[in-house]
Amino acid sequence: MPIAVALGVEPALPYVGGMPLPEGADESHYLGAYFGEPLDVVPAETVDLLVPATAEIVIEGHVSHTDVADEGPMGEYPGYLDRSSALPRPVLHVTAVTYRDQAILPVAVAGARRGGPHRLGNATRRRNDPRAASGEPAGRRVLGVLESANHWWVVAVQPDWHEQTGLSSKQLAEQVGQTVFGAGKLAFGVPKLLLIENDIDIADPKQVIWAFASRAHPEHGEIHFANEPQNILPIYLDAHERLSYHATKIVHNCLIADRFDKNERPTPSDLTHAWPADIRQHVIDNWQTYGYR
């Protein structure tokens, strides 16, 4: 099978490559439509394929249907080096390597925290938020927690979601789980959702940890979704799950709006939420006068 591996391409291409485009859709056409101009491509030298004209390096060749060689072990986005036996994979027989003058080899090092794969996956899933057309409460946000190596994904909804929907938190959590985990390719690497009111900064892992620990009920705060498609990289998967590419996923229900009357709901005990606007502004205006920077 002819193949061309393009390294150092238009920066948006890897993101489009991870999107759940319809079967048969061409990523270069999608990106050209998105940019409003075509993506420049040129013929490869030794295989009948088109490659990005601005690629730094292109490796051409054929993937064998019969020849295999061991691959691995290697580090992956969960942050671990898989030291189990290497797996046989098809061999790429190289027929040409072309490159620009002083070519730059792009490298993404998979590690436990804040690596390139985490940021790439985060941006791709945020761009393709499957809840956008699901009829869920307005003001929703979604973000992967980089410090969790993207094992946690936060879905935040407006604090008045209960008034908007009339649903219980369990019902809403079930809808969110069905929508997100049912999003096909997009959800393949999303194992754990934290469903939280949008009264915290979900980009701040300390606030996420606080909200999760203080709001999720230890008995009925978990909604499980059995036998969902899952990549095999998380180390907690058992042998059957790794073989079947399916595992149980979970929504941690951290919502509180349906547990209290509207005027009695707990709010974060901080300057932003717990004090009247005039007092907040007075404190801010006089902050340096108090001796703070």
C-alpha atoms as a PDB file:
ATOM      1  CA  MET A   1       0.000   0.000   0.000  1.00  0.00           C
ATOM      2  CA  PRO A   2       1.572   3.351  -1.042  1.00  0.00           C
ATOM      3  CA  ILE A   3       2.015   5.898   1.723  1.00  0.00           C
ATOM      4  CA  ALA A   4       3.590   9.290   2.270  1.00  0.00           C
ATOM      5  CA  VAL A   5       4.379  10.486   5.793  1.00  0.00           C
ATOM      6  CA  ALA A   6       4.484  14.292   5.847  1.00  0.00           C
ATOM      7  CA  LEU A   7       6.307  15.911   8.781  1.00  0.00           C
ATOM      8  CA  GLY A   8       6.193  19.614   9.590  1.00  0.00           C
ATOM      9  CA  VAL A   9       2.997  20.430   7.709  1.00  0.00           C
ATOM     10  CA  GLU A  10       0.517  23.307   7.904  1.00  0.00           C
ATOM     11  CA  PRO A  11      -0.090  23.512  11.690  1.00  0.00           C
ATOM     12  CA  ALA A  12      -3.849  23.036  11.373  1.00  0.00           C
ATOM     13  CA  LEU A  13      -3.544  19.695   9.554  1.00  0.00           C
ATOM     14  CA  PRO A  14      -2.877  17.537  12.646  1.00  0.00           C
ATOM     15  CA  TYR A  15      -5.979  19.003  14.284  1.00  0.00           C
ATOM     16  CA  VAL A  16      -8.140  18.233  11.262  1.00  0.00           C
ATOM     17  CA  GLY A  17      -6.636  14.736  11.150  1.00  0.00           C
ATOM     18  CA  GLY A  18      -8.023  14.104  14.627  1.00  0.00           C
ATOM     19  CA  MET A  19     -11.517  15.379  13.857  1.00  0.00           C
ATOM     20  CA  PRO A  20     -14.444  13.002  13.253  1.00  0.00           C
ATOM     21  CA  LEU A  21     -15.025  14.038   9.645  1.00  0.00           C
ATOM     22  CA  PRO A  22     -17.586  12.037   7.621  1.00  0.00           C
ATOM     23  CA  GLU A  23     -16.299   8.872   5.987  1.00  0.00           C
ATOM     24  CA  GLY A  24     -14.633   9.666   2.682  1.00  0.00           C
ATOM     25  CA  ALA A  25     -14.132  13.352   3.477  1.00  0.00           C
ATOM     26  CA  ASP A  26     -10.730  14.738   2.506  1.00  0.00           C
ATOM     27  CA  GLU A  27      -8.986  16.578   5.355  1.00  0.00           C
ATOM     28  CA  SER A  28      -7.173  18.892   2.931  1.00  0.00           C
ATOM     29  CA  HIS A  29     -10.492  19.882   1.340  1.00  0.00           C
ATOM     30  CA  TYR A  30     -12.004  20.519   4.761  1.00  0.00           C
ATOM     31  CA  LEU A  31      -9.072  22.691   5.779  1.00  0.00           C
ATOM     32  CA  GLY A  32      -9.145  24.570   2.470  1.00  0.00           C
ATOM     33  CA  ALA A  33     -12.821  25.354   2.971  1.00  0.00           C
ATOM     34  CA  TYR A  34     -12.123  26.454   6.525  1.00  0.00           C
ATOM     35  CA  PHE A  35      -9.297  28.798   5.456  1.00  0.00           C
ATOM     36  CA  GLY A  36     -11.125  29.996   2.347  1.00  0.00           C
ATOM     37  CA  GLU A  37      -8.245  28.967   0.100  1.00  0.00           C
ATOM     38  CA  PRO A  38      -6.899  25.605  -1.101  1.00  0.00           C
ATOM     39  CA  LEU A  39      -4.097  23.766   0.642  1.00  0.00           C
ATOM     40  CA  ASP A  40      -1.115  23.566  -1.737  1.00  0.00           C
ATOM     41  CA  VAL A  41      -0.155  19.986  -2.634  1.00  0.00           C
ATOM     42  CA  VAL A  42       2.407  18.494  -5.009  1.00  0.00           C
ATOM     43  CA  PRO A  43       2.995  14.964  -6.412  1.00  0.00           C
ATOM     44  CA  ALA A  44       5.243  12.705  -4.379  1.00  0.00           C
ATOM     45  CA  GLU A  45       8.440  11.509  -6.032  1.00  0.00           C
ATOM     46  CA  THR A  46       8.037   7.719  -5.916  1.00  0.00           C
ATOM     47  CA  VAL A  47       4.386   6.987  -5.045  1.00  0.00           C
ATOM     48  CA  ASP A  48       1.186   8.110  -6.734  1.00  0.00           C
ATOM     49  CA  LEU A  49       0.085  10.429  -3.934  1.00  0.00           C
ATOM     50  CA  LEU A  50      -0.196  14.158  -3.325  1.00  0.00           C
ATOM     51  CA  VAL A  51       1.667  15.638  -0.354  1.00  0.00           C
ATOM     52  CA  PRO A  52       1.522  19.071   1.316  1.00  0.00           C
ATOM     53  CA  ALA A  53       3.793  21.429  -0.607  1.00  0.00           C
ATOM     54  CA  THR A  54       4.987  23.165   2.558  1.00  0.00           C
ATOM     55  CA  ALA A  55       5.971  19.982   4.426  1.00  0.00           C
ATOM     56  CA  GLU A  56       9.415  20.064   6.012  1.00  0.00           C
ATOM     57  CA  ILE A  57      10.085  16.343   5.416  1.00  0.00           C
ATOM     58  CA  VAL A  58       8.223  13.676   3.419  1.00  0.00           C
ATOM     59  CA  ILE A  59       8.927   9.947   3.804  1.00  0.00           C
ATOM     60  CA  GLU A  60       7.588   7.910   0.876  1.00  0.00           C
ATOM     61  CA  GLY A  61       7.183   4.190   0.510  1.00  0.00           C
ATOM     62  CA  HIS A  62       4.869   1.195   0.782  1.00  0.00           C
ATOM     63  CA  VAL A  63       3.336  -0.463   3.827  1.00  0.00           C
ATOM     64  CA  SER A  64       3.743  -4.202   3.517  1.00  0.00           C
ATOM     65  CA  HIS A  65       0.777  -6.568   3.766  1.00  0.00           C
ATOM     66  CA  THR A  66       3.083  -9.374   4.899  1.00  0.00           C
ATOM     67  CA  ASP A  67       6.255  -8.007   6.532  1.00  0.00           C
ATOM     68  CA  VAL A  68       6.026  -7.133  10.211  1.00  0.00           C
ATOM     69  CA  ALA A  69       8.452  -5.934  12.875  1.00  0.00           C
ATOM     70  CA  ASP A  70       8.146  -5.259  16.589  1.00  0.00           C
ATOM     71  CA  GLU A  71       7.012  -1.764  17.564  1.00  0.00           C
ATOM     72  CA  GLY A  72       7.741  -0.326  21.000  1.00  0.00           C
ATOM     73  CA  PRO A  73       7.905  -0.015  23.844  1.00  0.00           C
ATOM     74  CA  MET A  74       7.268   3.724  23.798  1.00  0.00           C
ATOM     75  CA  GLY A  75       5.922   6.452  26.040  1.00  0.00           C
ATOM     76  CA  GLU A  76       2.334   7.551  25.459  1.00  0.00           C
ATOM     77  CA  TYR A  77       0.009  10.374  26.499  1.00  0.00           C
ATOM     78  CA  PRO A  78      -1.107   8.741  29.800  1.00  0.00           C
ATOM     79  CA  GLY A  79       2.452   9.399  30.952  1.00  0.00           C
ATOM     80  CA  TYR A  80       3.851   5.872  31.138  1.00  0.00           C
ATOM     81  CA  LEU A  81       6.360   3.784  29.207  1.00  0.00           C
ATOM     82  CA  ASP A  82       4.644   0.536  28.274  1.00  0.00           C
ATOM     83  CA  ARG A  83       7.273  -2.052  29.133  1.00  0.00           C
ATOM     84  CA  SER A  84       5.163  -5.026  28.081  1.00  0.00           C
ATOM     85  CA  SER A  85       6.271  -7.060  25.087  1.00  0.00           C
ATOM     86  CA  ALA A  86       6.497  -5.168  21.802  1.00  0.00           C
ATOM     87  CA  LEU A  87       3.752  -5.775  19.245  1.00  0.00           C
ATOM     88  CA  PRO A  88       4.306  -6.776  15.609  1.00  0.00           C
ATOM     89  CA  ARG A  89       3.235  -4.084  13.149  1.00  0.00           C
ATOM     90  CA  PRO A  90       3.366  -3.766   9.339  1.00  0.00           C
ATOM     91  CA  VAL A  91       6.688  -2.531   7.971  1.00  0.00           C
ATOM     92  CA  LEU A  92       7.001   0.652   5.926  1.00  0.00           C
ATOM     93  CA  HIS A  93       9.514   0.104   3.130  1.00  0.00           C
ATOM     94  CA  VAL A  94      10.948   3.542   2.307  1.00  0.00           C
ATOM     95  CA  THR A  95      11.493   4.500  -1.322  1.00  0.00           C
ATOM     96  CA  ALA A  96      12.371   8.182  -0.896  1.00  0.00           C
ATOM     97  CA  VAL A  97      12.901  10.918   1.674  1.00  0.00           C
ATOM     98  CA  THR A  98      12.485  14.506   0.479  1.00  0.00           C
ATOM     99  CA  TYR A  99      13.011  17.606   2.578  1.00  0.00           C
ATOM    100  CA  ARG A 100      13.387  21.366   2.536  1.00  0.00           C
ATOM    101  CA  ASP A 101      16.740  23.071   3.015  1.00  0.00           C
ATOM    102  CA  GLN A 102      17.556  23.140   6.738  1.00  0.00           C
ATOM    103  CA  ALA A 103      14.397  21.161   7.431  1.00  0.00           C
ATOM    104  CA  ILE A 104      12.834  21.253  10.882  1.00  0.00           C
ATOM    105  CA  LEU A 105      11.746  17.923  12.375  1.00  0.00           C
ATOM    106  CA  PRO A 106       8.679  18.500  14.576  1.00  0.00           C
ATOM    107  CA  VAL A 107       8.598  16.381  17.735  1.00  0.00           C
ATOM    108  CA  ALA A 108       5.831  15.917  20.317  1.00  0.00           C
ATOM    109  CA  VAL A 109       7.110  14.198  23.434  1.00  0.00           C
ATOM    110  CA  ALA A 110       4.394  12.157  25.135  1.00  0.00           C
ATOM    111  CA  GLY A 111       4.682  12.552  28.879  1.00  0.00           C
ATOM    112  CA  ALA A 112       2.686  12.680  32.068  1.00  0.00           C
ATOM    113  CA  ARG A 113       1.763  16.356  31.942  1.00  0.00           C
ATOM    114  CA  ARG A 114       1.225  19.166  29.464  1.00  0.00           C
ATOM    115  CA  GLY A 115       2.754  17.416  26.460  1.00  0.00           C
ATOM    116  CA  GLY A 116       2.023  18.114  22.810  1.00  0.00           C
ATOM    117  CA  PRO A 117      -0.498  15.246  22.485  1.00  0.00           C
ATOM    118  CA  HIS A 118      -2.490  16.656  25.424  1.00  0.00           C
ATOM    119  CA  ARG A 119      -2.750  20.120  23.918  1.00  0.00           C
ATOM    120  CA  LEU A 120      -3.544  18.741  20.465  1.00  0.00           C
ATOM    121  CA  GLY A 121      -6.314  16.486  21.765  1.00  0.00           C
ATOM    122  CA  ASN A 122      -7.674  19.249  23.959  1.00  0.00           C
ATOM    123  CA  ALA A 123      -7.947  21.759  21.144  1.00  0.00           C
ATOM    124  CA  THR A 124      -9.464  19.233  18.726  1.00  0.00           C
ATOM    125  CA  ARG A 125     -12.203  18.154  21.133  1.00  0.00           C
ATOM    126  CA  ARG A 126     -13.012  21.725  22.152  1.00  0.00           C
ATOM    127  CA  ARG A 127     -13.337  22.699  18.477  1.00  0.00           C
ATOM    128  CA  ASN A 128     -15.738  19.781  17.917  1.00  0.00           C
ATOM    129  CA  ASP A 129     -17.775  19.938  21.137  1.00  0.00           C
ATOM    130  CA  PRO A 130     -20.509  17.319  20.461  1.00  0.00           C
ATOM    131  CA  ARG A 131     -22.906  18.997  22.887  1.00  0.00           C
ATOM    132  CA  ALA A 132     -23.330  22.028  20.652  1.00  0.00           C
ATOM    133  CA  ALA A 133     -26.415  20.549  18.982  1.00  0.00           C
ATOM    134  CA  SER A 134     -27.618  18.408  21.858  1.00  0.00           C
ATOM    135  CA  GLY A 135     -30.063  20.874  23.377  1.00  0.00           C
ATOM    136  CA  GLU A 136     -28.183  21.074  26.668  1.00  0.00           C
ATOM    137  CA  PRO A 137     -28.046  24.243  28.773  1.00  0.00           C
ATOM    138  CA  ALA A 138     -26.574  27.399  27.283  1.00  0.00           C
ATOM    139  CA  GLY A 139     -23.180  28.620  28.394  1.00  0.00           C
ATOM    140  CA  ARG A 140     -21.615  25.163  28.465  1.00  0.00           C
ATOM    141  CA  ARG A 141     -17.828  24.779  28.327  1.00  0.00           C
ATOM    142  CA  VAL A 142     -15.594  21.773  27.859  1.00  0.00           C
ATOM    143  CA  LEU A 143     -11.917  21.425  28.657  1.00  0.00           C
ATOM    144  CA  GLY A 144      -9.414  18.638  29.223  1.00  0.00           C
ATOM    145  CA  VAL A 145      -7.399  18.851  32.432  1.00  0.00           C
ATOM    146  CA  LEU A 146      -3.796  18.761  31.237  1.00  0.00           C
ATOM    147  CA  GLU A 147      -2.522  17.801  34.692  1.00  0.00           C
ATOM    148  CA  SER A 148      -4.608  14.608  34.469  1.00  0.00           C
ATOM    149  CA  ALA A 149      -2.922  13.709  31.156  1.00  0.00           C
ATOM    150  CA  ASN A 150      -6.365  14.313  29.632  1.00  0.00           C
ATOM    151  CA  HIS A 151      -8.003  11.461  31.560  1.00  0.00           C
ATOM    152  CA  TRP A 152     -10.367  14.062  33.079  1.00  0.00           C
ATOM    153  CA  TRP A 153     -12.566  16.185  30.868  1.00  0.00           C
ATOM    154  CA  VAL A 154     -14.618  18.933  32.475  1.00  0.00           C
ATOM    155  CA  VAL A 155     -18.073  19.820  31.158  1.00  0.00           C
ATOM    156  CA  ALA A 156     -19.320  23.026  32.781  1.00  0.00           C
ATOM    157  CA  VAL A 157     -22.901  24.321  32.511  1.00  0.00           C
ATOM    158  CA  GLN A 158     -24.540  27.524  33.673  1.00  0.00           C
ATOM    159  CA  PRO A 159     -25.497  27.562  37.382  1.00  0.00           C
ATOM    160  CA  ASP A 160     -29.181  27.962  36.435  1.00  0.00           C
ATOM    161  CA  TRP A 161     -29.222  24.760  34.352  1.00  0.00           C
ATOM    162  CA  HIS A 162     -31.931  23.275  36.609  1.00  0.00           C
ATOM    163  CA  GLU A 163     -34.334  26.156  35.874  1.00  0.00           C
ATOM    164  CA  GLN A 164     -33.520  25.990  32.167  1.00  0.00           C
ATOM    165  CA  THR A 165     -34.068  22.256  31.764  1.00  0.00           C
ATOM    166  CA  GLY A 166     -36.258  21.049  34.632  1.00  0.00           C
ATOM    167  CA  LEU A 167     -33.986  17.995  34.810  1.00  0.00           C
ATOM    168  CA  SER A 168     -32.365  16.450  37.840  1.00  0.00           C
ATOM    169  CA  SER A 169     -28.581  16.407  37.944  1.00  0.00           C
ATOM    170  CA  LYS A 170     -28.609  12.657  37.361  1.00  0.00           C
ATOM    171  CA  GLN A 171     -30.780  13.041  34.266  1.00  0.00           C
ATOM    172  CA  LEU A 172     -28.551  15.771  32.898  1.00  0.00           C
ATOM    173  CA  ALA A 173     -25.418  13.726  33.656  1.00  0.00           C
ATOM    174  CA  GLU A 174     -26.905  10.778  31.764  1.00  0.00           C
ATOM    175  CA  GLN A 175     -27.658  12.995  28.760  1.00  0.00           C
ATOM    176  CA  VAL A 176     -24.166  14.492  28.779  1.00  0.00           C
ATOM    177  CA  GLY A 177     -22.554  11.050  29.039  1.00  0.00           C
ATOM    178  CA  GLN A 178     -24.655   9.620  26.222  1.00  0.00           C
ATOM    179  CA  THR A 179     -23.855  12.596  23.998  1.00  0.00           C
ATOM    180  CA  VAL A 180     -20.120  12.809  24.687  1.00  0.00           C
ATOM    181  CA  PHE A 181     -19.311   9.100  24.883  1.00  0.00           C
ATOM    182  CA  GLY A 182     -21.463   8.514  21.803  1.00  0.00           C
ATOM    183  CA  ALA A 183     -19.490  10.992  19.713  1.00  0.00           C
ATOM    184  CA  GLY A 184     -17.476   8.292  17.929  1.00  0.00           C
ATOM    185  CA  LYS A 185     -13.847   9.068  17.112  1.00  0.00           C
ATOM    186  CA  LEU A 186     -14.004  12.260  19.151  1.00  0.00           C
ATOM    187  CA  ALA A 187     -14.744  10.342  22.367  1.00  0.00           C
ATOM    188  CA  PHE A 188     -12.320   7.462  21.824  1.00  0.00           C
ATOM    189  CA  GLY A 189      -9.845   8.905  24.321  1.00  0.00           C
ATOM    190  CA  VAL A 190     -12.312  10.503  26.776  1.00  0.00           C
ATOM    191  CA  PRO A 191     -12.760   8.121  29.731  1.00  0.00           C
ATOM    192  CA  LYS A 192     -13.891  10.358  32.611  1.00  0.00           C
ATOM    193  CA  LEU A 193     -16.132  13.429  32.646  1.00  0.00           C
ATOM    194  CA  LEU A 194     -16.536  15.900  35.485  1.00  0.00           C
ATOM    195  CA  LEU A 195     -19.916  17.663  35.171  1.00  0.00           C
ATOM    196  CA  ILE A 196     -19.698  20.954  37.086  1.00  0.00           C
ATOM    197  CA  GLU A 197     -21.529  24.276  37.327  1.00  0.00           C
ATOM    198  CA  ASN A 198     -19.699  27.063  35.537  1.00  0.00           C
ATOM    199  CA  ASP A 199     -19.038  29.064  38.708  1.00  0.00           C
ATOM    200  CA  ILE A 200     -15.331  28.167  38.757  1.00  0.00           C
ATOM    201  CA  ASP A 201     -12.457  28.613  36.348  1.00  0.00           C
ATOM    202  CA  ILE A 202     -12.269  25.172  34.758  1.00  0.00           C
ATOM    203  CA  ALA A 203      -8.845  26.066  33.311  1.00  0.00           C
ATOM    204  CA  ASP A 204      -7.493  26.177  36.876  1.00  0.00           C
ATOM    205  CA  PRO A 205      -6.804  22.583  38.012  1.00  0.00           C
ATOM    206  CA  LYS A 206      -6.831  23.615  41.686  1.00  0.00           C
ATOM    207  CA  GLN A 207     -10.402  24.892  41.348  1.00  0.00           C
ATOM    208  CA  VAL A 208     -11.436  21.777  39.423  1.00  0.00           C
ATOM    209  CA  ILE A 209     -10.012  19.504  42.125  1.00  0.00           C
ATOM    210  CA  TRP A 210     -11.759  21.538  44.837  1.00  0.00           C
ATOM    211  CA  ALA A 211     -15.131  21.420  43.070  1.00  0.00           C
ATOM    212  CA  PHE A 212     -14.826  17.692  42.319  1.00  0.00           C
ATOM    213  CA  ALA A 213     -13.804  16.788  45.856  1.00  0.00           C
ATOM    214  CA  SER A 214     -16.409  18.963  47.575  1.00  0.00           C
ATOM    215  CA  ARG A 215     -19.454  18.459  45.333  1.00  0.00           C
ATOM    216  CA  ALA A 216     -19.450  14.895  43.988  1.00  0.00           C
ATOM    217  CA  HIS A 217     -21.426  12.544  46.246  1.00  0.00           C
ATOM    218  CA  PRO A 218     -19.376   9.439  47.174  1.00  0.00           C
ATOM    219  CA  GLU A 219     -22.344   7.075  46.761  1.00  0.00           C
ATOM    220  CA  HIS A 220     -24.599   8.312  43.971  1.00  0.00           C
ATOM    221  CA  GLY A 221     -22.341  10.867  42.297  1.00  0.00           C
ATOM    222  CA  GLU A 222     -21.106   8.410  39.661  1.00  0.00           C
ATOM    223  CA  ILE A 223     -22.943   7.455  36.468  1.00  0.00           C
ATOM    224  CA  HIS A 224     -21.332   4.558  34.612  1.00  0.00           C
ATOM    225  CA  PHE A 225     -21.527   3.837  30.890  1.00  0.00           C
ATOM    226  CA  ALA A 226     -20.574   0.259  30.138  1.00  0.00           C
ATOM    227  CA  ASN A 227     -18.900  -1.111  27.020  1.00  0.00           C
ATOM    228  CA  GLU A 228     -18.028   2.217  25.383  1.00  0.00           C
ATOM    229  CA  PRO A 229     -15.362   2.476  22.631  1.00  0.00           C
ATOM    230  CA  GLN A 230     -11.987   3.261  24.199  1.00  0.00           C
ATOM    231  CA  ASN A 231      -8.383   3.444  23.042  1.00  0.00           C
ATOM    232  CA  ILE A 232      -6.075   0.948  24.741  1.00  0.00           C
ATOM    233  CA  LEU A 233      -3.506   3.360  26.172  1.00  0.00           C
ATOM    234  CA  PRO A 234      -4.800   3.991  29.748  1.00  0.00           C
ATOM    235  CA  ILE A 235      -2.873   1.653  32.063  1.00  0.00           C
ATOM    236  CA  TYR A 236      -5.897   0.838  34.260  1.00  0.00           C
ATOM    237  CA  LEU A 237      -7.558  -1.196  31.482  1.00  0.00           C
ATOM    238  CA  ASP A 238      -7.679  -4.959  31.928  1.00  0.00           C
ATOM    239  CA  ALA A 239      -6.677  -7.483  29.258  1.00  0.00           C
ATOM    240  CA  HIS A 240     -10.210  -7.934  27.924  1.00  0.00           C
ATOM    241  CA  GLU A 241     -10.744  -4.180  27.591  1.00  0.00           C
ATOM    242  CA  ARG A 242      -7.454  -3.747  25.761  1.00  0.00           C
ATOM    243  CA  LEU A 243      -8.314  -6.568  23.387  1.00  0.00           C
ATOM    244  CA  SER A 244     -11.877  -5.380  22.701  1.00  0.00           C
ATOM    245  CA  TYR A 245     -11.172  -1.633  22.582  1.00  0.00           C
ATOM    246  CA  HIS A 246     -14.190  -1.160  24.863  1.00  0.00           C
ATOM    247  CA  ALA A 247     -14.392  -0.176  28.535  1.00  0.00           C
ATOM    248  CA  THR A 248     -16.652   1.407  31.125  1.00  0.00           C
ATOM    249  CA  LYS A 249     -16.610   5.201  31.196  1.00  0.00           C
ATOM    250  CA  ILE A 250     -17.888   7.521  33.888  1.00  0.00           C
ATOM    251  CA  VAL A 251     -19.516  10.885  34.544  1.00  0.00           C
ATOM    252  CA  HIS A 252     -18.772  12.343  37.963  1.00  0.00           C
ATOM    253  CA  ASN A 253     -21.867  14.357  38.862  1.00  0.00           C
ATOM    254  CA  CYS A 254     -20.630  17.490  40.648  1.00  0.00           C
ATOM    255  CA  LEU A 255     -23.826  19.515  40.094  1.00  0.00           C
ATOM    256  CA  ILE A 256     -25.599  21.043  43.088  1.00  0.00           C
ATOM    257  CA  ALA A 257     -28.328  23.301  41.642  1.00  0.00           C
ATOM    258  CA  ASP A 258     -31.099  20.703  42.069  1.00  0.00           C
ATOM    259  CA  ARG A 259     -30.140  19.905  45.672  1.00  0.00           C
ATOM    260  CA  PHE A 260     -30.983  23.335  47.097  1.00  0.00           C
ATOM    261  CA  ASP A 261     -33.607  26.034  46.727  1.00  0.00           C
ATOM    262  CA  LYS A 262     -32.458  28.713  44.293  1.00  0.00           C
ATOM    263  CA  ASN A 263     -31.823  31.299  47.028  1.00  0.00           C
ATOM    264  CA  GLU A 264     -30.054  28.834  49.317  1.00  0.00           C
ATOM    265  CA  ARG A 265     -27.525  27.282  46.949  1.00  0.00           C
ATOM    266  CA  PRO A 266     -23.942  27.292  48.239  1.00  0.00           C
ATOM    267  CA  THR A 267     -21.590  29.630  46.403  1.00  0.00           C
ATOM    268  CA  PRO A 268     -17.793  29.760  46.543  1.00  0.00           C
ATOM    269  CA  SER A 269     -16.683  31.680  49.611  1.00  0.00           C
ATOM    270  CA  ASP A 270     -14.438  34.159  47.823  1.00  0.00           C
ATOM    271  CA  LEU A 271     -14.389  37.836  46.901  1.00  0.00           C
ATOM    272  CA  THR A 272     -16.059  37.275  43.552  1.00  0.00           C
ATOM    273  CA  HIS A 273     -19.064  35.302  44.786  1.00  0.00           C
ATOM    274  CA  ALA A 274     -19.549  36.032  48.478  1.00  0.00           C
ATOM    275  CA  TRP A 275     -19.471  39.836  48.646  1.00  0.00           C
ATOM    276  CA  PRO A 276     -21.660  42.612  47.161  1.00  0.00           C
ATOM    277  CA  ALA A 277     -20.387  44.259  43.992  1.00  0.00           C
ATOM    278  CA  ASP A 278     -19.769  47.651  45.644  1.00  0.00           C
ATOM    279  CA  ILE A 279     -17.601  46.125  48.372  1.00  0.00           C
ATOM    280  CA  ARG A 280     -15.660  44.059  45.811  1.00  0.00           C
ATOM    281  CA  GLN A 281     -14.931  47.163  43.757  1.00  0.00           C
ATOM    282  CA  HIS A 282     -13.929  49.142  46.846  1.00  0.00           C
ATOM    283  CA  VAL A 283     -11.431  46.433  47.827  1.00  0.00           C
ATOM    284  CA  ILE A 284     -10.005  46.261  44.318  1.00  0.00           C
ATOM    285  CA  ASP A 285      -9.676  50.043  44.062  1.00  0.00           C
ATOM    286  CA  ASN A 286      -7.813  50.189  47.376  1.00  0.00           C
ATOM    287  CA  TRP A 287      -5.757  47.021  47.018  1.00  0.00           C
ATOM    288  CA  GLN A 288      -2.379  48.756  46.836  1.00  0.00           C
ATOM    289  CA  THR A 289      -3.405  51.143  49.604  1.00  0.00           C
ATOM    290  CA  TYR A 290      -3.746  48.108  51.849  1.00  0.00           C
ATOM    291  CA  GLY A 291      -0.111  47.297  51.109  1.00  0.00           C
ATOM    292  CA  TYR A 292      -0.691  44.530  48.546  1.00  0.00           C
ATOM    293  CA  ARG A 293       0.596  44.344  44.992  1.00  0.00           C
END
